[in-house]
């Protein structure tokens, strides 16, 4: 099954939010609306991405604590008691966006259970990789502008480049 434009844009909203990129989020929210997504659907994609992002932070905290010899209280992660194709597609993209291998593996398995094909998962990962590159380029431009302004001895503003 191929992703519809609406589903692709909802997934992109989640990836953009998970990647922490305002310009990408702005663009994909606008495109999701153009593709016919209702605000409730967009909010759900956002909520699913936030769960993955917060879960990834908890997972990494537990991992770091284990390196210190502190027992892990919980593996963290998101609420996987309710699932759907779209939720898993968003979650796969968000997990890739935040580099969380634990969440990515969990959602790839859950995606198989709800009928997500390898082709669809690959398309989501490709989209997430693209959005991550775009998010990084926005940040790199800001750093580059700051560096140039510093070298010139001015107090340049970063607000004009990226609105992250």
N, C-alpha and C. Protein backbone atom coordinates (compact mmCIF):
# COMPACT_ATOMS: atom_id res chain seq x y z
N UNK A 1 0.85 -1.18 0.00
CA UNK A 1 0.00 0.00 0.00
C UNK A 1 0.89 1.24 0.00
N UNK A 2 0.63 2.14 -0.91
CA UNK A 2 1.39 3.38 -0.95
C UNK A 2 0.79 4.40 0.00
N UNK A 3 1.66 5.25 0.52
CA UNK A 3 1.19 6.32 1.42
C UNK A 3 0.44 7.37 0.61
N UNK A 4 -0.67 7.84 1.15
CA UNK A 4 -1.36 8.95 0.51
C UNK A 4 -0.59 10.23 0.79
N UNK A 5 -0.86 11.26 0.03
CA UNK A 5 -0.21 12.55 0.26
C UNK A 5 -0.54 13.05 1.66
N UNK A 6 -1.78 12.87 2.08
CA UNK A 6 -2.19 13.31 3.42
C UNK A 6 -1.40 12.56 4.49
N UNK A 7 -1.31 11.24 4.38
CA UNK A 7 -0.56 10.47 5.36
C UNK A 7 0.91 10.87 5.36
N UNK A 8 1.47 11.04 4.19
CA UNK A 8 2.88 11.44 4.09
C UNK A 8 3.10 12.78 4.79
N UNK A 9 2.20 13.72 4.61
CA UNK A 9 2.35 15.03 5.25
C UNK A 9 2.15 14.95 6.76
N UNK A 10 1.23 14.10 7.22
CA UNK A 10 1.06 13.92 8.66
C UNK A 10 2.31 13.30 9.27
N UNK A 11 2.89 12.34 8.58
CA UNK A 11 4.15 11.75 9.04
C UNK A 11 5.23 12.81 9.07
N UNK A 12 5.29 13.64 8.04
CA UNK A 12 6.30 14.70 7.97
C UNK A 12 6.13 15.73 9.08
N UNK A 13 4.90 16.01 9.48
CA UNK A 13 4.66 16.90 10.62
C UNK A 13 5.31 16.29 11.86
N UNK A 14 5.06 15.01 12.10
CA UNK A 14 5.64 14.35 13.27
C UNK A 14 7.15 14.31 13.23
N UNK A 15 7.72 14.02 12.08
CA UNK A 15 9.17 13.98 11.95
C UNK A 15 9.75 15.37 12.20
N UNK A 16 9.14 16.38 11.62
CA UNK A 16 9.64 17.76 11.78
C UNK A 16 9.62 18.20 13.23
N UNK A 17 8.54 17.86 13.91
CA UNK A 17 8.45 18.20 15.33
C UNK A 17 9.50 17.44 16.13
N UNK A 18 9.63 16.14 15.87
CA UNK A 18 10.62 15.34 16.60
C UNK A 18 12.04 15.83 16.33
N UNK A 19 12.30 16.27 15.11
CA UNK A 19 13.61 16.78 14.75
C UNK A 19 13.86 18.18 15.31
N UNK A 20 12.81 18.81 15.81
CA UNK A 20 12.95 20.14 16.41
C UNK A 20 13.13 21.25 15.39
N UNK A 21 12.54 21.11 14.22
CA UNK A 21 12.73 22.09 13.15
C UNK A 21 11.47 22.90 12.90
N UNK A 22 11.52 24.17 13.29
CA UNK A 22 10.36 25.05 13.09
C UNK A 22 10.02 25.26 11.61
N UNK A 23 11.00 25.60 10.75
CA UNK A 23 10.63 25.80 9.34
C UNK A 23 10.01 24.56 8.71
N UNK A 24 10.54 23.39 9.04
CA UNK A 24 9.97 22.15 8.50
C UNK A 24 8.57 21.90 9.06
N UNK A 25 8.40 22.15 10.35
CA UNK A 25 7.08 21.98 10.97
C UNK A 25 6.07 22.93 10.33
N UNK A 26 6.45 24.19 10.17
CA UNK A 26 5.56 25.16 9.53
C UNK A 26 5.14 24.69 8.15
N UNK A 27 6.12 24.27 7.37
CA UNK A 27 5.86 23.83 5.99
C UNK A 27 4.93 22.63 5.97
N UNK A 28 5.23 21.62 6.77
CA UNK A 28 4.45 20.38 6.69
C UNK A 28 3.07 20.49 7.33
N UNK A 29 2.89 21.36 8.33
CA UNK A 29 1.53 21.60 8.84
C UNK A 29 0.69 22.23 7.72
N UNK A 30 1.26 23.20 7.04
CA UNK A 30 0.56 23.86 5.93
C UNK A 30 0.23 22.84 4.83
N UNK A 31 1.20 21.98 4.48
CA UNK A 31 0.99 20.99 3.43
C UNK A 31 -0.01 19.92 3.86
N UNK A 32 0.00 19.55 5.14
CA UNK A 32 -0.97 18.56 5.63
C UNK A 32 -2.39 19.12 5.50
N UNK A 33 -2.55 20.38 5.82
CA UNK A 33 -3.88 21.00 5.66
C UNK A 33 -4.29 21.01 4.20
N UNK A 34 -3.35 21.37 3.30
CA UNK A 34 -3.65 21.38 1.86
C UNK A 34 -4.05 19.99 1.38
N UNK A 35 -3.47 18.95 2.00
CA UNK A 35 -3.76 17.57 1.60
C UNK A 35 -5.05 17.05 2.22
N UNK A 36 -5.73 17.89 3.01
CA UNK A 36 -7.02 17.51 3.57
C UNK A 36 -7.00 17.01 5.00
N UNK A 37 -5.88 17.12 5.69
CA UNK A 37 -5.82 16.68 7.08
C UNK A 37 -6.55 17.68 7.97
N UNK A 38 -7.35 17.16 8.86
CA UNK A 38 -8.06 17.99 9.84
C UNK A 38 -7.09 18.35 10.97
N UNK A 39 -7.37 19.44 11.66
CA UNK A 39 -6.51 19.86 12.77
C UNK A 39 -6.36 18.76 13.82
N UNK A 40 -7.42 18.00 14.08
CA UNK A 40 -7.33 16.90 15.06
C UNK A 40 -6.33 15.84 14.59
N UNK A 41 -6.30 15.56 13.30
CA UNK A 41 -5.34 14.58 12.77
C UNK A 41 -3.91 15.11 12.89
N UNK A 42 -3.74 16.39 12.63
CA UNK A 42 -2.42 17.01 12.73
C UNK A 42 -1.97 17.00 14.19
N UNK A 43 -2.88 17.35 15.10
CA UNK A 43 -2.54 17.33 16.53
C UNK A 43 -2.17 15.91 16.99
N UNK A 44 -2.86 14.91 16.47
CA UNK A 44 -2.54 13.53 16.85
C UNK A 44 -1.15 13.14 16.36
N UNK A 45 -0.80 13.52 15.15
CA UNK A 45 0.55 13.24 14.64
C UNK A 45 1.59 13.94 15.52
N UNK A 46 1.29 15.16 15.93
CA UNK A 46 2.20 15.89 16.82
C UNK A 46 2.33 15.17 18.16
N UNK A 47 1.22 14.76 18.73
CA UNK A 47 1.23 14.08 20.04
C UNK A 47 2.02 12.76 19.95
N UNK A 48 1.83 12.02 18.86
CA UNK A 48 2.56 10.77 18.71
C UNK A 48 4.06 11.03 18.61
N UNK A 49 4.45 12.06 17.89
CA UNK A 49 5.88 12.40 17.76
C UNK A 49 6.47 12.85 19.09
N UNK A 50 5.71 13.61 19.86
CA UNK A 50 6.19 14.06 21.17
C UNK A 50 6.39 12.87 22.10
N UNK A 51 5.48 11.90 22.06
CA UNK A 51 5.64 10.70 22.89
C UNK A 51 6.94 9.97 22.55
N UNK A 52 7.23 9.86 21.26
CA UNK A 52 8.46 9.19 20.85
C UNK A 52 9.68 10.00 21.29
N UNK A 53 9.63 11.32 21.08
CA UNK A 53 10.77 12.17 21.44
C UNK A 53 11.03 12.11 22.95
N UNK A 54 9.98 12.25 23.76
CA UNK A 54 10.13 12.19 25.22
C UNK A 54 10.59 10.80 25.65
N UNK A 55 10.04 9.76 25.02
CA UNK A 55 10.44 8.40 25.34
C UNK A 55 11.91 8.16 25.03
N UNK A 56 12.38 8.70 23.92
CA UNK A 56 13.78 8.55 23.53
C UNK A 56 14.70 9.19 24.57
N UNK A 57 14.29 10.33 25.09
CA UNK A 57 15.09 11.00 26.13
C UNK A 57 15.16 10.13 27.38
N UNK A 58 14.04 9.55 27.78
CA UNK A 58 14.03 8.67 28.96
C UNK A 58 14.87 7.43 28.73
N UNK A 59 14.79 6.87 27.54
CA UNK A 59 15.60 5.69 27.22
C UNK A 59 17.08 6.02 27.33
N UNK A 60 17.50 7.14 26.77
CA UNK A 60 18.91 7.53 26.81
C UNK A 60 19.36 7.87 28.23
N UNK A 61 18.47 8.47 29.01
CA UNK A 61 18.82 8.76 30.40
C UNK A 61 19.09 7.45 31.14
N UNK A 62 18.20 6.46 30.95
CA UNK A 62 18.40 5.17 31.59
C UNK A 62 19.68 4.50 31.13
N UNK A 63 19.98 4.62 29.86
CA UNK A 63 21.21 4.04 29.33
C UNK A 63 22.44 4.70 29.97
N UNK A 64 22.43 6.02 30.05
CA UNK A 64 23.55 6.75 30.66
C UNK A 64 23.68 6.39 32.14
N UNK A 65 22.56 6.28 32.85
CA UNK A 65 22.61 5.91 34.26
C UNK A 65 23.20 4.51 34.44
N UNK A 66 22.86 3.60 33.53
CA UNK A 66 23.45 2.26 33.60
C UNK A 66 24.96 2.33 33.46
N UNK A 67 25.46 3.24 32.63
CA UNK A 67 26.91 3.40 32.47
C UNK A 67 27.56 3.86 33.76
N UNK A 68 26.76 4.53 34.60
CA UNK A 68 27.25 4.97 35.92
C UNK A 68 27.05 3.91 36.99
N UNK A 69 26.44 2.80 36.61
CA UNK A 69 26.19 1.73 37.57
C UNK A 69 24.91 1.91 38.35
N UNK A 70 24.05 2.81 37.91
CA UNK A 70 22.78 3.05 38.58
C UNK A 70 21.71 2.19 37.88
N UNK A 71 20.94 1.46 38.67
CA UNK A 71 19.90 0.61 38.09
C UNK A 71 18.83 1.46 37.42
N UNK A 72 18.38 0.98 36.34
CA UNK A 72 17.33 1.64 35.56
C UNK A 72 15.97 1.34 36.18
N UNK A 73 15.19 2.39 36.43
CA UNK A 73 13.84 2.17 36.97
C UNK A 73 12.87 1.73 35.89
N UNK A 74 13.02 2.31 34.71
CA UNK A 74 12.10 2.03 33.62
C UNK A 74 12.84 2.22 32.32
N UNK A 75 12.39 1.54 31.29
CA UNK A 75 13.03 1.72 29.99
C UNK A 75 12.50 2.95 29.28
N UNK A 76 11.51 3.60 29.88
CA UNK A 76 10.93 4.77 29.23
C UNK A 76 10.17 4.34 28.00
N UNK A 77 9.96 5.26 27.12
CA UNK A 77 9.27 4.93 25.89
C UNK A 77 7.88 5.48 25.89
N UNK A 78 7.22 5.23 24.81
CA UNK A 78 5.90 5.81 24.64
C UNK A 78 4.82 4.79 24.92
N UNK A 79 3.60 5.25 24.94
CA UNK A 79 2.44 4.41 25.21
C UNK A 79 2.12 3.60 23.96
N UNK A 80 2.46 2.33 23.97
CA UNK A 80 2.22 1.51 22.79
C UNK A 80 0.97 0.65 22.94
N UNK A 81 0.10 1.01 23.87
CA UNK A 81 -1.11 0.22 24.06
C UNK A 81 -2.13 0.48 22.95
N UNK A 82 -2.11 1.64 22.37
CA UNK A 82 -3.02 1.89 21.24
C UNK A 82 -2.16 2.11 20.01
N UNK A 83 -2.58 1.54 18.92
CA UNK A 83 -1.77 1.68 17.73
C UNK A 83 -2.65 1.71 16.49
N UNK A 84 -2.08 2.26 15.44
CA UNK A 84 -2.72 2.30 14.14
C UNK A 84 -1.61 2.43 13.11
N UNK A 85 -1.95 2.23 11.88
CA UNK A 85 -0.95 2.38 10.82
C UNK A 85 -0.33 3.76 10.85
N UNK A 86 -1.16 4.79 10.89
CA UNK A 86 -0.63 6.15 10.85
C UNK A 86 0.22 6.45 12.08
N UNK A 87 -0.24 6.01 13.25
CA UNK A 87 0.55 6.24 14.47
C UNK A 87 1.92 5.59 14.35
N UNK A 88 1.97 4.39 13.84
CA UNK A 88 3.26 3.70 13.70
C UNK A 88 4.13 4.35 12.62
N UNK A 89 3.53 4.82 11.55
CA UNK A 89 4.31 5.52 10.53
C UNK A 89 4.93 6.79 11.11
N UNK A 90 4.13 7.57 11.84
CA UNK A 90 4.64 8.78 12.49
C UNK A 90 5.74 8.40 13.48
N UNK A 91 5.50 7.37 14.26
CA UNK A 91 6.46 6.97 15.30
C UNK A 91 7.77 6.45 14.71
N UNK A 92 7.70 5.74 13.61
CA UNK A 92 8.92 5.29 12.93
C UNK A 92 9.74 6.50 12.49
N UNK A 93 9.07 7.46 11.86
CA UNK A 93 9.77 8.66 11.42
C UNK A 93 10.33 9.47 12.57
N UNK A 94 9.56 9.61 13.64
CA UNK A 94 10.02 10.38 14.80
C UNK A 94 11.19 9.68 15.48
N UNK A 95 11.14 8.36 15.60
CA UNK A 95 12.23 7.62 16.23
C UNK A 95 13.52 7.78 15.41
N UNK A 96 13.40 7.75 14.10
CA UNK A 96 14.57 7.97 13.25
C UNK A 96 15.08 9.40 13.44
N UNK A 97 14.17 10.35 13.51
CA UNK A 97 14.55 11.77 13.64
C UNK A 97 15.32 12.04 14.92
N UNK A 98 15.02 11.31 15.99
CA UNK A 98 15.71 11.54 17.27
C UNK A 98 16.79 10.49 17.53
N UNK A 99 17.10 9.68 16.53
CA UNK A 99 18.19 8.69 16.63
C UNK A 99 17.98 7.67 17.74
N UNK A 100 16.75 7.27 17.97
CA UNK A 100 16.47 6.31 19.04
C UNK A 100 16.27 4.92 18.45
N UNK A 101 17.33 4.11 18.52
CA UNK A 101 17.26 2.78 17.94
C UNK A 101 16.26 1.88 18.65
N UNK A 102 16.13 2.05 19.97
CA UNK A 102 15.18 1.24 20.73
C UNK A 102 13.75 1.52 20.25
N UNK A 103 13.40 2.80 20.16
CA UNK A 103 12.05 3.15 19.68
C UNK A 103 11.86 2.77 18.22
N UNK A 104 12.89 2.96 17.42
CA UNK A 104 12.77 2.63 16.00
C UNK A 104 12.48 1.14 15.83
N UNK A 105 13.22 0.30 16.51
CA UNK A 105 12.98 -1.14 16.41
C UNK A 105 11.58 -1.51 16.92
N UNK A 106 11.17 -0.89 18.02
CA UNK A 106 9.85 -1.16 18.60
C UNK A 106 8.75 -0.80 17.59
N UNK A 107 8.89 0.37 16.96
CA UNK A 107 7.83 0.82 16.05
C UNK A 107 7.90 0.13 14.69
N UNK A 108 9.06 -0.31 14.27
CA UNK A 108 9.13 -1.12 13.04
C UNK A 108 8.41 -2.44 13.26
N UNK A 109 8.60 -3.06 14.42
CA UNK A 109 7.89 -4.32 14.74
C UNK A 109 6.38 -4.07 14.83
N UNK A 110 6.01 -3.01 15.54
CA UNK A 110 4.58 -2.70 15.67
C UNK A 110 3.98 -2.36 14.30
N UNK A 111 4.77 -1.72 13.46
CA UNK A 111 4.31 -1.40 12.11
C UNK A 111 4.01 -2.64 11.29
N UNK A 112 4.85 -3.65 11.43
CA UNK A 112 4.59 -4.93 10.75
C UNK A 112 3.26 -5.51 11.20
N UNK A 113 2.99 -5.39 12.50
CA UNK A 113 1.75 -5.95 13.06
C UNK A 113 0.50 -5.27 12.52
N UNK A 114 0.62 -4.01 12.10
CA UNK A 114 -0.55 -3.30 11.56
C UNK A 114 -0.49 -3.18 10.04
N UNK A 115 0.41 -3.97 9.42
CA UNK A 115 0.41 -4.06 7.96
C UNK A 115 1.26 -3.05 7.21
N UNK A 116 2.18 -2.39 7.89
CA UNK A 116 3.08 -1.47 7.19
C UNK A 116 4.10 -2.30 6.43
N UNK A 117 4.22 -2.03 5.15
CA UNK A 117 5.14 -2.78 4.31
C UNK A 117 6.56 -2.25 4.47
N UNK A 118 7.53 -3.06 4.06
CA UNK A 118 8.93 -2.62 4.08
C UNK A 118 9.10 -1.38 3.22
N UNK A 119 8.40 -1.34 2.09
CA UNK A 119 8.48 -0.19 1.19
C UNK A 119 7.99 1.08 1.88
N UNK A 120 6.89 0.98 2.62
CA UNK A 120 6.36 2.14 3.34
C UNK A 120 7.31 2.59 4.44
N UNK A 121 7.84 1.63 5.20
CA UNK A 121 8.79 1.97 6.27
C UNK A 121 10.02 2.65 5.68
N UNK A 122 10.49 2.13 4.55
CA UNK A 122 11.66 2.73 3.89
C UNK A 122 11.35 4.14 3.41
N UNK A 123 10.15 4.36 2.90
CA UNK A 123 9.76 5.70 2.45
C UNK A 123 9.74 6.68 3.63
N UNK A 124 9.24 6.23 4.79
CA UNK A 124 9.21 7.07 5.98
C UNK A 124 10.62 7.38 6.46
N UNK A 125 11.49 6.38 6.46
CA UNK A 125 12.87 6.60 6.88
C UNK A 125 13.58 7.56 5.93
N UNK A 126 13.33 7.41 4.63
CA UNK A 126 13.92 8.34 3.65
C UNK A 126 13.43 9.77 3.91
N UNK A 127 12.15 9.92 4.18
CA UNK A 127 11.59 11.23 4.48
C UNK A 127 12.20 11.80 5.75
N UNK A 128 12.34 10.96 6.77
CA UNK A 128 12.95 11.40 8.03
C UNK A 128 14.40 11.82 7.83
N UNK A 129 15.14 11.07 7.04
CA UNK A 129 16.53 11.43 6.77
C UNK A 129 16.61 12.78 6.07
N UNK A 130 15.72 13.02 5.12
CA UNK A 130 15.69 14.30 4.41
C UNK A 130 15.37 15.45 5.37
N UNK A 131 14.34 15.27 6.19
CA UNK A 131 13.95 16.33 7.12
C UNK A 131 15.06 16.59 8.13
N UNK A 132 15.73 15.54 8.61
CA UNK A 132 16.86 15.73 9.53
C UNK A 132 17.96 16.57 8.87
N UNK A 133 18.24 16.28 7.60
CA UNK A 133 19.26 17.08 6.89
C UNK A 133 18.83 18.54 6.77
N UNK A 134 17.55 18.75 6.46
CA UNK A 134 17.04 20.12 6.35
C UNK A 134 17.13 20.84 7.70
N UNK A 135 16.74 20.15 8.76
CA UNK A 135 16.80 20.75 10.10
C UNK A 135 18.24 21.11 10.45
N UNK A 136 19.16 20.22 10.16
CA UNK A 136 20.58 20.50 10.44
C UNK A 136 21.08 21.67 9.62
N UNK A 137 20.65 21.77 8.37
CA UNK A 137 21.13 22.88 7.53
C UNK A 137 20.63 24.22 8.05
N UNK A 138 19.42 24.26 8.59
CA UNK A 138 18.91 25.51 9.18
C UNK A 138 19.79 25.93 10.35
N UNK A 139 20.13 24.99 11.21
CA UNK A 139 20.95 25.27 12.38
C UNK A 139 22.37 25.66 11.95
N UNK A 140 22.91 24.95 10.99
CA UNK A 140 24.27 25.25 10.51
C UNK A 140 24.35 26.66 9.93
N UNK A 141 23.30 27.09 9.25
CA UNK A 141 23.30 28.46 8.72
C UNK A 141 23.36 29.48 9.85
N UNK A 142 22.64 29.23 10.94
CA UNK A 142 22.67 30.15 12.07
C UNK A 142 24.07 30.19 12.66
N UNK A 143 24.66 29.04 12.87
CA UNK A 143 26.00 28.99 13.44
C UNK A 143 26.98 29.69 12.51
N UNK A 144 26.85 29.46 11.22
CA UNK A 144 27.71 30.13 10.24
C UNK A 144 27.57 31.63 10.28
N UNK A 145 26.35 32.12 10.40
CA UNK A 145 26.12 33.57 10.47
C UNK A 145 26.71 34.14 11.74
N UNK A 146 26.55 33.42 12.86
CA UNK A 146 27.12 33.89 14.13
C UNK A 146 28.63 33.96 14.03
N UNK A 147 29.23 32.94 13.45
CA UNK A 147 30.68 32.88 13.33
C UNK A 147 31.19 34.04 12.47
N UNK A 148 30.52 34.30 11.35
CA UNK A 148 30.91 35.39 10.46
C UNK A 148 30.77 36.73 11.18
N UNK A 149 29.65 36.91 11.89
CA UNK A 149 29.43 38.16 12.61
C UNK A 149 30.49 38.36 13.68
N UNK A 150 30.85 37.28 14.37
CA UNK A 150 31.89 37.37 15.41
C UNK A 150 33.23 37.76 14.81
N UNK A 151 33.57 37.14 13.68
CA UNK A 151 34.84 37.43 13.02
C UNK A 151 34.90 38.88 12.56
N UNK A 152 33.76 39.42 12.17
CA UNK A 152 33.71 40.81 11.72
C UNK A 152 33.57 41.78 12.88
N UNK A 153 33.41 41.25 14.09
CA UNK A 153 33.30 42.09 15.27
C UNK A 153 31.94 42.73 15.46
N UNK A 154 30.95 42.25 14.73
CA UNK A 154 29.61 42.84 14.87
C UNK A 154 28.75 41.95 15.77
N UNK A 155 27.60 42.42 16.13
CA UNK A 155 26.65 41.68 16.95
C UNK A 155 25.49 41.22 16.08
N UNK A 156 25.76 40.47 15.01
CA UNK A 156 24.72 40.05 14.07
C UNK A 156 23.62 39.25 14.74
N UNK A 157 22.43 39.36 14.20
CA UNK A 157 21.28 38.63 14.71
C UNK A 157 21.06 37.37 13.88
N UNK A 158 20.72 36.29 14.53
CA UNK A 158 20.44 35.04 13.83
C UNK A 158 18.97 34.92 13.44
N UNK A 159 18.16 35.83 13.85
CA UNK A 159 16.71 35.68 13.65
C UNK A 159 16.33 35.73 12.17
N UNK A 160 17.13 36.35 11.33
CA UNK A 160 16.76 36.50 9.93
C UNK A 160 16.87 35.20 9.16
N UNK A 161 17.75 34.28 9.56
CA UNK A 161 17.98 33.06 8.79
C UNK A 161 16.91 32.02 9.03
N UNK A 162 16.98 31.36 10.12
CA UNK A 162 16.06 30.28 10.47
C UNK A 162 15.30 30.69 11.72
N UNK A 163 14.06 30.33 11.80
CA UNK A 163 13.25 30.73 12.95
C UNK A 163 13.15 29.63 13.99
N UNK A 164 14.18 28.80 14.07
CA UNK A 164 14.21 27.72 15.08
C UNK A 164 14.48 28.29 16.45
